[in-house]
Protein backbone atom coordinates (compact mmCIF):
# COMPACT_ATOMS: atom_id res chain seq x y z
CA MET A 1 -20.26 -7.23 -13.73
CA THR A 2 -23.51 -8.34 -12.38
CA SER A 3 -24.48 -11.03 -9.72
CA GLY A 4 -26.49 -14.28 -10.50
CA SER A 5 -29.79 -12.84 -8.56
CA GLN A 6 -32.36 -10.47 -10.74
CA MET A 7 -31.69 -6.88 -9.51
CA SER A 8 -34.33 -4.42 -9.38
CA ALA A 9 -34.22 -1.13 -11.64
CA GLU A 10 -32.76 0.85 -8.15
CA GLU A 11 -30.33 -1.64 -7.30
CA GLU A 12 -28.80 -1.81 -10.64
CA GLU A 13 -28.37 1.85 -10.97
CA ALA A 14 -26.69 2.08 -7.46
CA LEU A 15 -24.24 -0.32 -8.69
CA ARG A 16 -23.79 1.79 -12.14
CA GLN A 17 -22.96 4.91 -9.90
CA MET A 18 -21.28 2.96 -7.50
CA GLN A 19 -19.29 1.35 -10.28
CA GLU A 20 -18.31 5.14 -11.98
CA GLU A 21 -17.41 6.34 -9.07
CA SER A 22 -14.95 4.20 -8.34
CA GLY A 23 -13.13 4.88 -11.34
CA ALA A 24 -12.46 8.32 -10.30
CA HIS A 25 -11.51 10.76 -7.67
CA LEU A 26 -14.97 11.81 -6.34
CA PRO A 27 -17.00 12.97 -9.45
CA ASP A 28 -19.69 13.98 -7.42
CA ARG A 29 -20.16 16.91 -4.85
CA ARG A 30 -20.07 14.97 -1.57
CA SER A 31 -17.04 16.73 -0.39
CA GLU A 32 -18.06 20.50 -1.41
CA GLY A 33 -18.56 22.67 1.46
CA ASP A 34 -18.26 19.65 4.06
CA PRO A 35 -15.09 18.56 5.89
CA GLU A 36 -16.31 15.29 6.85
CA TRP A 37 -17.71 14.04 4.33
CA MET A 38 -18.21 10.06 4.10
CA ALA A 39 -16.61 7.70 1.36
CA ASN A 40 -18.09 4.94 0.17
CA GLY A 41 -17.80 1.81 1.64
CA ALA A 42 -18.18 3.55 4.80
CA GLN A 43 -20.61 1.77 7.38
CA ILE A 44 -23.63 3.48 8.76
CA GLU A 45 -26.23 3.72 10.91
CA LEU A 46 -29.79 5.37 10.28
CA PHE A 47 -31.34 7.35 13.07
CA GLY A 48 -33.61 10.74 13.35
CA LEU A 49 -36.12 9.92 10.61
CA GLN A 50 -39.49 11.13 10.69
CA ALA A 51 -41.41 9.78 7.40
CA ALA A 52 -39.64 6.11 7.75
CA LYS A 53 -39.14 5.92 11.22
CA ALA A 54 -39.25 1.79 11.00
CA LEU A 55 -35.75 2.63 9.51
CA ASN A 56 -33.89 3.76 12.35
CA GLY A 57 -31.35 1.78 14.14
CA GLN A 58 -30.61 0.38 10.86
CA ARG A 59 -27.34 -0.40 9.41
CA ALA A 60 -26.37 -0.27 5.94
CA GLU A 61 -23.36 0.91 4.08
CA ILE A 62 -22.69 4.31 1.62
CA ILE A 63 -22.84 3.45 -2.13
CA GLY A 64 -22.75 6.72 -3.82
CA PHE A 65 -24.28 10.44 -3.16
CA ASP A 66 -26.80 12.54 -5.40
CA ASP A 67 -25.47 15.59 -6.60
CA GLU A 68 -29.14 16.81 -7.04
CA VAL A 69 -30.75 15.83 -3.39
CA ARG A 70 -27.53 16.20 -1.55
CA ARG A 71 -27.91 12.81 -0.16
CA TYR A 72 -25.70 9.91 0.23
CA ARG A 73 -27.29 6.37 -1.32
CA VAL A 74 -26.76 3.79 1.07
CA ARG A 75 -27.99 0.17 1.01
CA LEU A 76 -29.22 -1.70 3.60
CA HIS A 77 -27.71 -4.62 5.29
CA ASP A 78 -31.01 -6.21 6.14
CA ASP A 79 -33.19 -6.52 3.04
CA GLY A 80 -30.63 -4.76 0.74
CA ALA A 81 -32.66 -2.26 -0.73
CA VAL A 82 -31.16 1.81 -1.75
CA LYS A 83 -32.32 4.85 -0.06
CA VAL A 84 -31.39 8.01 -0.41
CA VAL A 85 -31.05 9.46 3.34
CA ALA A 86 -29.21 13.02 4.59
CA LYS A 87 -25.97 13.37 6.35
CA LYS A 88 -27.74 14.38 9.21
CA ASN A 89 -29.55 11.18 9.65
CA LEU A 90 -26.24 8.65 9.28
CA ARG A 91 -24.07 7.89 11.94
CA LEU A 92 -20.66 6.75 10.88
CA LEU A 93 -19.68 3.61 12.55
CA PRO A 94 -16.46 2.78 14.42
CA PRO A 95 -14.27 0.35 11.56
CA PRO A 96 -14.71 -3.67 12.55
CA GLN A 97 -11.65 -5.17 13.90
CA PRO A 98 -10.36 -7.38 11.35
CA GLN A 99 -9.90 -10.72 11.27
CA ALA A 100 -7.73 -13.57 10.18
CA GLU A 101 -9.66 -14.77 6.27
CA THR A 102 -8.46 -16.91 4.21
CA ALA A 103 -9.65 -16.87 0.87
CA VAL A 104 -11.87 -20.07 1.70
CA GLN A 105 -13.68 -18.27 4.35
CA ALA A 106 -14.58 -15.25 2.01
CA TYR A 107 -16.01 -17.08 -0.56
CA GLY A 108 -17.18 -20.22 1.12
CA ASN A 109 -16.95 -22.17 4.20
CA GLY A 110 -13.35 -23.93 5.50
CA ALA A 111 -12.07 -27.17 6.95
CA SER A 112 -12.03 -25.10 10.09
CA ASP A 113 -13.96 -24.35 12.75
CA SER A 114 -13.74 -20.92 14.43
CA ARG A 115 -11.26 -21.24 16.66
CA GLY A 116 -8.64 -22.52 14.00
CA SER A 117 -9.18 -26.21 15.29
CA LEU A 118 -9.17 -29.16 12.28
CA GLN A 119 -12.06 -31.09 12.02
CA LEU A 120 -12.25 -34.28 12.08
CA GLY A 121 -14.07 -37.13 9.05
CA PRO A 122 -14.89 -36.24 5.49
CA GLN A 123 -14.53 -32.69 4.45
CA SER A 124 -16.38 -31.35 1.16
CA ARG A 125 -13.87 -29.53 -0.88
CA PRO A 126 -15.56 -25.76 -1.04
CA ALA A 127 -17.00 -24.78 -4.99
CA PRO A 128 -13.87 -23.05 -6.80
CA PRO A 129 -14.55 -19.13 -6.81
CA THR A 130 -16.47 -18.07 -9.97
CA ARG A 131 -15.51 -14.73 -11.90
CA ASP A 132 -18.30 -13.05 -9.52
CA VAL A 133 -16.44 -13.56 -6.30
CA VAL A 134 -13.17 -12.15 -7.88
CA GLY A 135 -15.39 -8.99 -8.58
CA ARG A 136 -16.94 -9.30 -5.21
CA THR A 137 -13.02 -9.38 -3.91
CA THR A 138 -11.77 -6.28 -6.28
CA GLN A 139 -15.10 -4.25 -4.92
CA ARG A 140 -14.18 -4.88 -1.54
CA VAL A 141 -10.65 -3.92 -2.02
CA GLU A 142 -11.83 -0.91 -3.96
CA GLN A 143 -14.37 0.16 -0.49
CA GLU A 144 -10.99 0.20 1.21
CA ILE A 145 -9.04 2.22 -0.40
CA ALA A 146 -12.43 4.59 -0.60
CA VAL A 147 -11.96 4.88 3.46
CA MET A 148 -8.88 5.01 3.51
CA VAL A 149 -8.77 8.22 1.25
CA GLN A 150 -11.08 9.76 3.70
CA ARG A 151 -9.26 9.16 6.59
CA CYS A 152 -6.05 10.58 4.70
CA GLN A 153 -7.85 13.96 3.63
CA ALA A 154 -9.22 14.30 7.65
CA ARG A 155 -5.99 13.41 8.86
CA ALA A 156 -4.08 16.18 6.67
CA ARG A 157 -6.57 18.81 7.38
CA GLY A 158 -5.14 18.65 11.30
CA GLY A 159 -7.22 16.16 13.11
CA ALA A 160 -6.90 14.84 16.42
CA ALA A 161 -4.10 12.23 17.38
CA GLU A 162 -7.43 9.74 17.66
CA ALA A 163 -7.46 9.05 14.62
CA ASP A 164 -4.49 6.78 14.04
CA THR A 165 -6.48 4.39 15.31
CA ASP A 166 -8.98 4.59 12.32
CA ILE A 167 -6.31 4.92 9.42
CA CYS A 168 -4.29 1.94 11.13
CA ASP A 169 -7.14 0.06 10.94
CA ALA A 170 -8.13 1.09 7.46
CA PHE A 171 -4.32 0.48 6.10
CA LEU A 172 -4.58 -3.07 7.64
CA ARG A 173 -8.16 -4.47 6.11
CA ILE A 174 -6.38 -2.45 2.31
CA ASN A 175 -3.44 -5.12 3.54
CA THR A 176 -6.45 -7.67 4.62
CA SER A 177 -8.01 -7.57 1.15
CA VAL A 178 -5.70 -8.03 -0.97
CA GLU A 179 -4.63 -10.84 0.33
CA ILE A 180 -7.81 -12.58 0.19
CA PHE A 181 -7.74 -10.84 -3.67
CA GLU A 182 -4.83 -12.20 -5.10
CA GLU A 183 -5.44 -16.22 -3.01
CA VAL A 184 -9.38 -16.23 -4.42
CA LEU A 185 -7.28 -15.36 -7.95
CA LYS A 186 -5.23 -18.06 -7.65
CA MET A 187 -8.08 -20.37 -7.04
CA TYR A 188 -9.68 -19.35 -9.78
CA GLN A 189 -6.25 -19.63 -12.04
CA THR A 190 -5.76 -23.03 -10.67
CA GLU A 191 -9.26 -24.78 -11.64
CA ASN A 192 -10.15 -22.33 -14.94
CA GLY A 193 -6.91 -21.15 -15.94
CA ASN A 194 -5.54 -18.11 -17.82
CA ASP A 195 -5.23 -16.35 -21.21
CA GLU A 196 -2.40 -13.86 -20.22
CA ASP A 197 -2.19 -12.73 -23.37
CA ARG A 198 -5.44 -11.62 -24.47
CA SER A 199 -5.62 -9.63 -20.87
CA LYS A 200 -2.56 -7.88 -21.71
CA ALA A 201 -4.09 -7.02 -25.35
CA TRP A 202 -7.42 -6.00 -23.73
CA LEU A 203 -5.66 -3.98 -21.32
CA THR A 204 -4.35 -1.97 -23.81
CA GLN A 205 -8.06 -0.37 -24.56
CA PHE A 206 -8.28 0.58 -20.67
CA PRO A 207 -10.58 2.24 -19.26
CA ARG A 208 -13.54 0.43 -20.67
CA ASP A 209 -15.99 -1.37 -19.11
CA ARG A 210 -14.33 -3.59 -16.66
CA SER A 211 -17.18 -6.41 -17.42
CA LEU A 212 -15.73 -6.70 -20.34
CA ALA A 213 -12.53 -8.54 -19.69
CA PRO A 214 -11.81 -11.69 -21.36
CA ASP A 215 -10.60 -13.80 -18.72
CA CYS A 216 -9.71 -12.92 -14.31
CA ILE A 217 -6.75 -12.08 -15.67
CA GLY A 218 -7.67 -9.37 -17.56
CA MET A 219 -10.07 -8.39 -14.36
CA TYR A 220 -6.83 -8.43 -12.01
CA LEU A 221 -5.14 -5.93 -14.74
CA THR A 222 -8.10 -3.60 -14.36
CA TRP A 223 -7.72 -3.59 -10.68
CA MET A 224 -4.04 -2.90 -10.87
CA VAL A 225 -4.80 -0.06 -13.28
CA TYR A 226 -7.48 1.04 -10.70
CA ILE A 227 -5.06 0.61 -7.69
CA VAL A 228 -2.27 2.64 -9.53
CA HIS A 229 -4.75 5.33 -10.30
CA GLU A 230 -5.49 5.83 -6.34
CA ILE A 231 -1.97 5.19 -5.09
CA ALA A 232 -1.14 9.06 -4.93
CA ASP A 233 -4.25 9.46 -2.54
CA VAL A 234 -3.65 5.98 -0.21
CA VAL A 235 0.06 7.65 0.05
CA ARG A 236 -0.83 11.34 1.62
CA TYR A 237 -1.50 8.40 4.42
CA PHE A 238 2.60 8.20 4.77
CA ALA A 239 3.04 11.99 4.27
CA HIS A 240 1.10 12.08 8.00
CA GLN A 241 1.55 8.93 9.36
CA SER A 242 2.77 10.00 12.87
CA ARG A 243 5.53 7.86 14.71
CA SER A 244 3.09 5.72 16.68
CA ALA A 245 0.51 5.62 13.59
CA TRP A 246 3.76 3.82 12.11
CA GLN A 247 3.99 1.30 14.64
CA GLN A 248 0.95 0.61 15.38
CA ASP A 249 0.83 -0.38 11.71
CA GLU A 250 3.91 -2.60 11.76
CA TRP A 251 1.78 -3.98 14.98
CA ASN A 252 -1.44 -5.29 13.19
CA LEU A 253 0.13 -6.54 10.54
CA THR A 254 1.72 -9.17 12.47
CA GLN A 255 -1.01 -9.40 14.56
CA HIS A 256 -3.30 -10.79 11.90
CA SER A 257 -0.14 -12.40 10.34
CA ILE A 258 -0.16 -14.52 13.35
CA ARG A 259 -3.86 -15.30 13.50
CA LYS A 260 -4.00 -16.12 10.02
CA HIS A 261 -0.27 -18.12 10.38
CA GLY A 262 -0.04 -18.94 13.74
CA LEU A 263 3.31 -18.13 15.51
CA LEU A 264 5.43 -20.36 13.92
CA GLY A 265 4.27 -20.05 10.14
CA THR A 266 4.66 -16.16 10.99
CA LEU A 267 8.16 -17.32 12.24
CA LYS A 268 8.74 -19.54 8.68
CA ASN A 269 7.71 -16.85 6.58
CA GLU A 270 9.80 -13.64 7.92
CA ALA A 271 13.23 -16.89 7.98
CA PHE A 272 12.36 -17.34 3.91
CA GLU A 273 11.62 -13.67 2.87
CA ALA A 274 13.92 -12.12 4.77
CA PRO A 275 16.83 -13.31 2.87
CA THR A 276 15.34 -13.05 0.12
CA VAL A 277 14.20 -9.00 0.83
CA ALA A 278 17.74 -8.25 1.25
CA LEU A 279 19.60 -10.18 -1.51
CA ILE A 280 17.07 -8.29 -4.03
CA ALA A 281 17.76 -5.12 -1.71
CA ALA A 282 21.20 -5.72 -2.38
CA VAL A 283 21.44 -6.25 -6.65
CA ALA A 284 18.94 -3.37 -7.28
CA SER A 285 20.76 -0.62 -4.95
CA PHE A 286 24.34 -1.86 -6.97
CA VAL A 287 22.53 -1.78 -10.24
CA ILE A 288 19.71 0.26 -10.73
CA ALA A 289 17.52 2.39 -8.26
CA ALA A 290 14.84 0.43 -6.71
CA ARG A 291 13.00 0.29 -3.01
CA VAL A 292 12.11 -3.22 -2.23
CA PRO A 293 7.98 -2.44 -2.12
CA ASP A 294 7.19 -2.17 1.00
CA CYS A 295 2.99 -3.60 1.06
CA LYS A 296 1.03 -5.40 -1.10
CA LEU A 297 0.10 -1.95 -2.96
CA GLN A 298 3.50 -0.74 -3.95
CA GLN A 299 3.86 -4.48 -5.84
CA LEU A 300 0.89 -4.58 -7.67
CA ALA A 301 1.71 -0.84 -8.85
CA LYS A 302 5.33 -2.27 -9.90
CA THR A 303 4.09 -4.81 -11.47
CA TRP A 304 1.26 -3.14 -13.53
CA LEU A 305 3.80 -0.91 -14.69
CA ILE A 306 6.43 -3.60 -15.60
CA LEU A 307 3.54 -4.66 -18.01
CA VAL A 308 2.41 -2.09 -19.45
CA GLY A 309 4.13 0.76 -18.25
CA LYS A 310 6.66 3.35 -20.27
CA PRO A 311 10.35 2.02 -19.72
CA VAL A 312 12.54 4.94 -18.59
CA PRO A 313 15.52 5.36 -21.27
CA LEU A 314 18.83 4.95 -19.32
CA TRP A 315 22.28 6.35 -20.20
CA ASN A 316 24.59 4.24 -22.48
CA PRO A 317 26.08 1.24 -20.10
CA PHE A 318 28.83 1.33 -22.28
CA ASN A 319 29.78 4.97 -22.05
CA PRO A 320 31.31 5.10 -17.98
CA PHE A 321 31.69 8.58 -18.41
CA GLY A 322 28.37 9.78 -18.18
CA PRO A 323 25.62 11.90 -15.61
CA GLY A 324 26.62 10.66 -12.29
CA ILE A 325 30.09 10.21 -12.30
CA SER A 326 31.44 12.57 -10.72
CA VAL A 327 28.86 11.31 -7.60
CA HIS A 328 29.80 7.77 -8.17
CA ILE A 329 33.13 8.59 -7.71
CA VAL A 330 32.67 10.04 -4.25
CA ARG A 331 30.21 7.55 -2.95
CA ASN A 332 32.58 5.06 -3.31
CA VAL A 333 35.85 6.75 -2.12
CA VAL A 334 33.45 7.74 1.46
CA ALA A 335 32.38 4.10 1.44
CA ILE A 336 35.68 2.78 1.93
CA SER A 337 36.97 5.58 3.65
CA GLY A 338 35.42 3.62 6.78
CA LEU A 339 38.17 1.69 7.03
CA ARG A 340 41.08 3.37 5.06
CA ILE A 341 41.14 6.53 6.48
CA PHE A 342 38.40 7.21 10.05
CA SER A 343 39.51 3.61 11.26
CA ALA A 344 42.43 4.65 12.81
CA PRO A 345 40.66 7.79 14.58
CA CYS A 346 38.58 5.69 15.59
CA GLN A 347 40.64 3.23 17.74
CA VAL A 348 43.06 6.17 18.82
CA GLY A 349 39.48 7.26 20.45
CA LEU A 350 37.96 4.45 21.63
CA ALA A 351 41.32 3.43 23.57
CA ARG A 352 41.74 6.74 25.27
CA PHE A 353 37.86 6.06 26.42
CA ALA A 354 38.81 3.04 27.81
CA ALA A 355 41.57 4.26 29.40
CA MET A 356 39.40 7.24 31.16
CA LEU A 357 37.42 3.93 32.48
CA GLY A 358 40.18 2.30 33.42
CA LEU A 359 40.14 -0.62 31.14
CA ARG A 360 42.45 -1.50 28.74
CA LEU A 361 41.39 -3.15 25.75
CA PRO A 362 43.09 -5.98 23.59
CA GLN A 363 44.61 -4.85 20.04
CA GLY A 364 42.15 -7.27 18.43
CA LEU A 365 39.10 -6.21 19.94
CA GLN A 366 40.18 -2.41 20.05
CA LYS A 367 40.35 -2.72 16.02
CA PHE A 368 37.21 -4.53 15.36
CA VAL A 369 35.63 -2.06 17.21
CA GLY A 370 36.91 0.65 15.64
CA ASP A 371 36.50 -0.75 12.27
CA PHE A 372 33.27 -1.26 13.69
CA ILE A 373 32.39 2.26 14.29
CA ALA A 374 34.41 3.61 11.03
CA SER A 375 31.82 1.07 8.74
CA ILE A 376 29.17 2.45 10.39
CA GLY A 377 29.73 6.13 9.97
CA ALA A 378 30.90 5.97 6.56
CA ALA A 379 27.61 3.93 5.84
CA ILE A 380 25.83 6.98 7.03
CA PHE A 381 27.54 9.24 5.17
CA SER A 382 27.29 7.50 1.82
CA ALA A 383 23.68 7.03 2.04
CA PRO A 384 22.39 10.09 0.63
CA LEU A 385 25.73 9.53 -2.14
CA ASN A 386 23.57 6.64 -3.12
CA GLN A 387 20.69 8.02 -3.25
CA LEU A 388 21.67 10.82 -4.95
CA TYR A 389 23.60 8.63 -7.47
CA ASN A 390 21.00 6.36 -8.33
CA PHE A 391 18.07 9.53 -8.88
CA VAL A 392 20.86 11.12 -11.71
CA VAL A 393 21.82 7.65 -13.44
CA THR A 394 18.12 6.95 -13.84
CA SER A 395 16.36 10.39 -14.46
CA PRO A 396 16.05 11.21 -18.10
CA GLU A 397 16.00 15.04 -17.71
CA THR A 398 20.00 14.98 -15.78
CA PHE A 399 21.68 13.72 -19.16
CA SER A 400 22.18 17.26 -20.48
CA GLU A 401 23.75 19.58 -18.54
CA ALA A 402 26.43 19.21 -14.50
CA GLY A 403 24.28 22.41 -13.53
CA VAL A 404 20.85 20.23 -13.99
CA GLN A 405 22.02 17.58 -12.36
CA LEU A 406 23.44 19.59 -9.50
CA LYS A 407 19.86 21.41 -9.16
CA ALA A 408 17.80 18.46 -9.43
CA GLY A 409 20.24 16.28 -6.93
CA VAL A 410 20.12 18.83 -4.21
CA CYS A 411 15.97 19.48 -4.88
CA TYR A 412 15.87 15.31 -4.59
CA LEU A 413 17.58 15.10 -1.70
CA GLY A 414 15.92 17.77 0.18
CA GLY A 415 12.63 16.06 -0.54
CA ILE A 416 13.52 13.02 0.99
CA TYR A 417 15.23 14.10 4.58
CA PHE A 418 12.89 17.48 4.87
CA THR A 419 9.19 17.65 5.42
CA ARG A 420 8.20 20.95 4.34
CA SER A 421 4.28 22.29 5.21
CA LEU A 422 2.13 23.64 3.09
CA ASP A 423 3.44 27.04 2.95
CA GLY A 424 7.15 25.37 2.24
CA ALA A 425 8.88 25.87 5.00
CA ILE A 426 10.87 23.03 6.59
C-alpha cells in the first residue's frame, strides 16, 4: 500500500523492508549480541555524527535494520529522508504522553478546539477517510506492538522497576491506537460500504501482499491476523507485570477514557457495559469455558478465531456421562454446600464472636451474615473446580482416559495458580 505522493527508490526500499519486518518476529539480526536493541517505531535522536554533523539533534523513527552493515534504518521527521545510522549515534527518546485522540483528529480536523469546547458557526464536515488513511492506522498499531515487544523482552531479562512506567505507556498507546483504527474503519465503512464475503475468501489466502485486499474489511481482517501472530509476544507483558504496573494500567486507561469521553461519558459507558459484561460472563461460565475479553487486542483475536479459526471438537451434548462428569458433580456439591452445610457452623462461630465482644446479634441478622460468609467460602472453594470443569469439557485430549484427565487437570490448575521461574521452580 503506497501513499498518494511519489516516493524515491530509497524510501520505497525502506517501506518494503518495514512491511516485511512487521509480518514476522525479528527477521533481522539486530538482537544478536545486543540485549538493548531498538524496535521499529521507536523514536530516537541523532547525535555524535562526524561525517554528517548537520543531522545531529534531528529526531527520527526506526524503520528497519541492515544486517550487512549492522546499522539501523531511520526516517527523519523533518524531510522524511531515510538514513542508515549506527546504534551508538542513536539516543532513545522517552515515549510521549498519550493524548485523548479521536479518529477524526487522527486524520483530519475536528469541530472542537484543543480544550474540547464547541466552536460556533458553520462547521465543515471532515473528508471521509481513504484506504491509505486506514492503512496508516494499522501501521501505527504495528509500531506500538513492536515497541511493546521490546519492552516485554527487556522486562523478562530482569529490567529495573523503573521500566514499569514505559511499559504501561506502551500498553496504553496500543489500546489508543486500536480505538483510533476501529473508529476510522467504521467511518470508512459508512462512506464506502464493504463486501464481507469477498474479504473472507481473500483472507484464506493469507499471508500475501496486504495491498491486494479487495476492500477495507479485508485490510481489517489482515490486521487481525497480524495481531494474532504477535499476541503471544504481547501477552508476555502480563506474565512479568508487577502489581504496581497493573494498577498503573488501570489508572492510565481510566484517565484516557475521561479525557476522551468526559467524566459523565465514562460513567455512562461503564454503567452500560458492566451489566452486559456480567451477563456474558454468567452465560459463558454456565455454557462453556470463555473469558470475557480484558482488552481490545483479545477482542480482535477472538473475532478472528470465530471467522477463520478451526472449531474445537466438544463432547456429545446428548451424552451426560462424558469427560468431566465427576468434576461437575463435585463442583455442584461444593457450590450448594455453602447454605446447606457451612451456614450453621458460621452462624455458631459468629454468635460466639459476638458474645466475646459483649454483643447480642438479632437472629435474622446472624442468619444473614452466616449465610453470606458461607456462600463466599463455597464460591472460593468451587472456583478452581469451575475452571477445571471448563478445561476438561473443552479439551479433546481429555476425552480418552480418566488418568489423562487427572494429569492434564492438575497441570492446568498448577499453571493458573502458581508462577514458575525459568528453571521450573514454583
